[in-house]
């Protein structure tokens, strides 16, 4: 009786292992942002930290990190770098 229980437990654990292997074989995704886009964002972040980054329309100094990233990505888009489309 005890050996039958052990055999059932062994079968259950074997089936769990095989399902774990299936989930690990996922398709690799490609880069969403090109290295050129990263350089552009890096340049804008540096300008913001130095206090030299200004917004386009009003000319005010940019203090928000998110705004600096948005400006960098926008410039990368204009230059033709691989950047996803803006969400509206």
N, C-alpha and C. Protein backbone atom coordinates (compact mmCIF):
# COMPACT_ATOMS: atom_id res chain seq x y z
N UNK A 1 0.82 -1.19 0.00
CA UNK A 1 0.00 0.00 0.00
C UNK A 1 0.86 1.25 0.00
N UNK A 2 1.90 1.24 0.80
CA UNK A 2 2.78 2.41 0.91
C UNK A 2 3.55 2.63 -0.40
N UNK A 3 3.89 1.57 -1.10
CA UNK A 3 4.65 1.71 -2.35
C UNK A 3 3.78 2.31 -3.44
N UNK A 4 2.47 2.02 -3.42
CA UNK A 4 1.57 2.61 -4.42
C UNK A 4 1.47 4.11 -4.22
N UNK A 5 1.43 4.56 -2.98
CA UNK A 5 1.36 6.00 -2.70
C UNK A 5 2.64 6.69 -3.17
N UNK A 6 3.76 6.06 -2.94
CA UNK A 6 5.04 6.63 -3.35
C UNK A 6 5.09 6.73 -4.87
N UNK A 7 4.58 5.73 -5.57
CA UNK A 7 4.58 5.72 -7.03
C UNK A 7 3.69 6.84 -7.57
N UNK A 8 2.55 7.08 -6.94
CA UNK A 8 1.65 8.16 -7.37
C UNK A 8 2.30 9.51 -7.16
N UNK A 9 2.98 9.68 -6.03
CA UNK A 9 3.65 10.95 -5.73
C UNK A 9 4.77 11.18 -6.75
N UNK A 10 5.50 10.15 -7.11
CA UNK A 10 6.58 10.27 -8.08
C UNK A 10 6.04 10.66 -9.45
N UNK A 11 4.88 10.11 -9.83
CA UNK A 11 4.28 10.46 -11.12
C UNK A 11 3.85 11.92 -11.14
N UNK A 12 3.27 12.40 -10.04
CA UNK A 12 2.83 13.79 -9.97
C UNK A 12 4.00 14.75 -10.07
N UNK A 13 5.09 14.45 -9.37
CA UNK A 13 6.24 15.34 -9.42
C UNK A 13 6.90 15.32 -10.80
N UNK A 14 6.85 14.17 -11.48
CA UNK A 14 7.43 14.09 -12.82
C UNK A 14 6.62 14.93 -13.80
N UNK A 15 5.29 14.95 -13.65
CA UNK A 15 4.47 15.74 -14.55
C UNK A 15 4.67 17.23 -14.30
N UNK A 16 4.95 17.64 -13.07
CA UNK A 16 5.21 19.04 -12.77
C UNK A 16 6.52 19.49 -13.39
N UNK A 17 7.52 18.64 -13.40
CA UNK A 17 8.81 18.99 -13.97
C UNK A 17 8.70 19.23 -15.47
N UNK A 18 7.93 18.39 -16.15
CA UNK A 18 7.82 18.54 -17.59
C UNK A 18 7.09 19.83 -17.96
N UNK A 19 6.13 20.27 -17.14
CA UNK A 19 5.43 21.50 -17.43
C UNK A 19 6.33 22.71 -17.19
N UNK A 20 7.28 22.57 -16.29
CA UNK A 20 8.21 23.68 -16.03
C UNK A 20 9.12 23.89 -17.24
N UNK A 21 9.49 22.82 -17.91
CA UNK A 21 10.35 22.94 -19.09
C UNK A 21 9.64 23.65 -20.23
N UNK A 22 8.34 23.42 -20.36
CA UNK A 22 7.58 24.04 -21.44
C UNK A 22 7.53 25.55 -21.29
N UNK A 23 7.39 26.03 -20.06
CA UNK A 23 7.27 27.47 -19.84
C UNK A 23 8.59 28.20 -20.06
N UNK A 24 9.72 27.49 -19.93
CA UNK A 24 11.01 28.15 -20.09
C UNK A 24 11.38 28.36 -21.56
N UNK A 25 10.68 27.71 -22.47
CA UNK A 25 11.01 27.86 -23.89
C UNK A 25 10.16 28.96 -24.53
N UNK A 26 10.35 30.20 -24.03
CA UNK A 26 9.62 31.34 -24.57
C UNK A 26 10.40 31.96 -25.70
N UNK A 27 9.70 32.66 -26.56
CA UNK A 27 10.34 33.35 -27.66
C UNK A 27 11.03 34.61 -27.13
N UNK A 28 12.27 34.82 -27.55
CA UNK A 28 13.01 36.00 -27.09
C UNK A 28 12.48 37.23 -27.81
N UNK A 29 12.34 38.32 -27.07
CA UNK A 29 11.83 39.54 -27.66
C UNK A 29 12.99 40.41 -28.15
N UNK A 30 12.70 41.27 -29.09
CA UNK A 30 13.72 42.16 -29.62
C UNK A 30 13.75 43.43 -28.79
N UNK A 31 14.78 44.23 -28.99
CA UNK A 31 14.90 45.48 -28.25
C UNK A 31 13.80 46.44 -28.65
N UNK A 32 13.23 47.13 -27.68
CA UNK A 32 12.20 48.12 -27.97
C UNK A 32 12.84 49.46 -28.32
N UNK A 33 13.95 49.77 -27.65
CA UNK A 33 14.63 51.04 -27.87
C UNK A 33 16.03 50.76 -28.40
N UNK A 34 16.45 51.52 -29.40
CA UNK A 34 17.79 51.33 -29.96
C UNK A 34 18.83 51.95 -29.03
N UNK A 35 20.09 51.56 -29.17
CA UNK A 35 21.15 52.18 -28.37
C UNK A 35 21.26 53.68 -28.63
N UNK A 36 20.96 54.11 -29.85
CA UNK A 36 21.00 55.54 -30.18
C UNK A 36 19.96 56.31 -29.37
N UNK A 37 18.80 55.69 -29.14
CA UNK A 37 17.76 56.33 -28.34
C UNK A 37 18.22 56.47 -26.89
N UNK A 38 18.91 55.45 -26.40
CA UNK A 38 19.44 55.50 -25.05
C UNK A 38 20.46 56.62 -24.89
N UNK A 39 21.29 56.81 -25.90
CA UNK A 39 22.30 57.89 -25.86
C UNK A 39 21.61 59.25 -25.83
N UNK A 40 20.55 59.38 -26.61
CA UNK A 40 19.82 60.64 -26.66
C UNK A 40 19.21 60.97 -25.30
N UNK A 41 18.62 59.98 -24.66
CA UNK A 41 18.01 60.18 -23.34
C UNK A 41 19.11 60.51 -22.32
N UNK A 42 20.23 59.81 -22.43
CA UNK A 42 21.34 60.06 -21.52
C UNK A 42 21.85 61.50 -21.64
N UNK A 43 21.95 61.99 -22.86
CA UNK A 43 22.41 63.35 -23.10
C UNK A 43 21.44 64.37 -22.49
N UNK A 44 20.14 64.14 -22.66
CA UNK A 44 19.14 65.06 -22.12
C UNK A 44 19.11 65.02 -20.59
N UNK A 45 19.30 63.85 -20.01
CA UNK A 45 19.33 63.74 -18.55
C UNK A 45 20.52 64.52 -17.99
N UNK A 46 21.65 64.42 -18.67
CA UNK A 46 22.85 65.14 -18.22
C UNK A 46 22.61 66.65 -18.28
N UNK A 47 21.98 67.11 -19.37
CA UNK A 47 21.67 68.54 -19.51
C UNK A 47 20.70 69.00 -18.42
N UNK A 48 19.74 68.14 -18.08
CA UNK A 48 18.78 68.49 -17.05
C UNK A 48 19.47 68.63 -15.69
N UNK A 49 20.38 67.70 -15.39
CA UNK A 49 21.09 67.74 -14.11
C UNK A 49 21.99 68.97 -14.01
N UNK A 50 22.51 69.42 -15.15
CA UNK A 50 23.36 70.61 -15.17
C UNK A 50 22.53 71.89 -15.17
N UNK A 51 21.22 71.75 -15.37
CA UNK A 51 20.32 72.91 -15.37
C UNK A 51 20.27 73.62 -16.71
N UNK A 52 20.66 72.94 -17.78
CA UNK A 52 20.70 73.55 -19.11
C UNK A 52 19.55 73.14 -20.01
N UNK A 53 18.76 72.16 -19.58
CA UNK A 53 17.67 71.65 -20.42
C UNK A 53 16.44 72.53 -20.28
N UNK A 54 15.95 72.99 -21.43
CA UNK A 54 14.75 73.83 -21.44
C UNK A 54 13.69 73.17 -22.29
N UNK A 55 12.44 73.42 -21.94
CA UNK A 55 11.33 72.86 -22.72
C UNK A 55 11.22 73.64 -24.02
N UNK A 56 10.66 73.00 -25.03
CA UNK A 56 10.63 73.60 -26.36
C UNK A 56 9.73 74.80 -26.50
N UNK A 57 8.52 74.71 -26.00
CA UNK A 57 7.53 75.75 -26.26
C UNK A 57 7.71 76.98 -25.36
N UNK A 58 7.77 76.75 -24.05
CA UNK A 58 7.82 77.89 -23.13
C UNK A 58 9.25 78.36 -22.84
N UNK A 59 10.21 77.48 -23.02
CA UNK A 59 11.59 77.84 -22.75
C UNK A 59 11.97 77.76 -21.28
N UNK A 60 11.09 77.23 -20.45
CA UNK A 60 11.37 77.08 -19.02
C UNK A 60 12.33 75.92 -18.79
N UNK A 61 13.03 75.98 -17.68
CA UNK A 61 13.97 74.91 -17.35
C UNK A 61 13.19 73.66 -16.93
N UNK A 62 13.70 72.52 -17.39
CA UNK A 62 13.06 71.25 -17.08
C UNK A 62 13.66 70.73 -15.78
N UNK A 63 12.80 70.37 -14.82
CA UNK A 63 13.27 69.82 -13.55
C UNK A 63 12.79 68.39 -13.34
N UNK A 64 11.83 67.96 -14.14
CA UNK A 64 11.25 66.63 -14.00
C UNK A 64 12.06 65.59 -14.78
N UNK A 65 12.36 64.47 -14.12
CA UNK A 65 13.09 63.38 -14.76
C UNK A 65 12.29 62.79 -15.92
N UNK A 66 11.00 62.64 -15.72
CA UNK A 66 10.13 62.07 -16.76
C UNK A 66 10.09 62.96 -17.98
N UNK A 67 10.08 64.27 -17.76
CA UNK A 67 10.03 65.20 -18.88
C UNK A 67 11.34 65.15 -19.67
N UNK A 68 12.47 65.00 -18.96
CA UNK A 68 13.76 64.90 -19.63
C UNK A 68 13.83 63.65 -20.49
N UNK A 69 13.30 62.55 -19.99
CA UNK A 69 13.27 61.30 -20.76
C UNK A 69 12.39 61.47 -21.99
N UNK A 70 11.24 62.12 -21.83
CA UNK A 70 10.33 62.34 -22.94
C UNK A 70 10.98 63.20 -24.03
N UNK A 71 11.74 64.21 -23.63
CA UNK A 71 12.42 65.06 -24.61
C UNK A 71 13.47 64.26 -25.35
N UNK A 72 14.21 63.43 -24.63
CA UNK A 72 15.24 62.59 -25.25
C UNK A 72 14.66 61.62 -26.26
N UNK A 73 13.55 60.98 -25.90
CA UNK A 73 12.91 60.03 -26.81
C UNK A 73 12.32 60.73 -28.02
N UNK A 74 11.79 61.92 -27.81
CA UNK A 74 11.22 62.69 -28.91
C UNK A 74 12.30 63.05 -29.93
N UNK A 75 13.46 63.48 -29.42
CA UNK A 75 14.55 63.83 -30.32
C UNK A 75 15.09 62.60 -31.04
N UNK A 76 15.11 61.47 -30.35
CA UNK A 76 15.57 60.22 -30.97
C UNK A 76 14.61 59.82 -32.10
N UNK A 77 13.30 60.01 -31.88
CA UNK A 77 12.31 59.71 -32.92
C UNK A 77 12.55 60.57 -34.15
N UNK A 78 12.79 61.87 -33.92
CA UNK A 78 13.02 62.79 -35.04
C UNK A 78 14.27 62.42 -35.82
N UNK A 79 15.28 61.89 -35.11
CA UNK A 79 16.54 61.50 -35.76
C UNK A 79 16.41 60.16 -36.48
N UNK A 80 15.31 59.46 -36.25
CA UNK A 80 15.08 58.19 -36.95
C UNK A 80 15.53 56.96 -36.17
N UNK A 81 15.80 57.10 -34.88
CA UNK A 81 16.20 55.94 -34.07
C UNK A 81 14.98 55.07 -33.81
N UNK A 82 15.26 53.82 -33.44
CA UNK A 82 14.17 52.87 -33.18
C UNK A 82 13.59 53.15 -31.80
N UNK A 83 12.40 53.75 -31.79
CA UNK A 83 11.69 54.09 -30.56
C UNK A 83 10.21 53.78 -30.80
N UNK A 84 9.52 53.14 -29.84
CA UNK A 84 8.09 52.88 -30.04
C UNK A 84 7.30 54.18 -30.20
N UNK A 85 6.15 54.07 -30.83
CA UNK A 85 5.29 55.25 -31.04
C UNK A 85 4.79 55.77 -29.71
N UNK A 86 4.46 57.06 -29.69
CA UNK A 86 3.93 57.67 -28.48
C UNK A 86 2.55 57.13 -28.18
N UNK A 87 2.24 56.94 -26.90
CA UNK A 87 0.90 56.55 -26.49
C UNK A 87 0.07 57.80 -26.34
N UNK A 88 -1.11 57.76 -26.90
CA UNK A 88 -1.96 58.95 -26.84
C UNK A 88 -3.15 58.74 -25.96
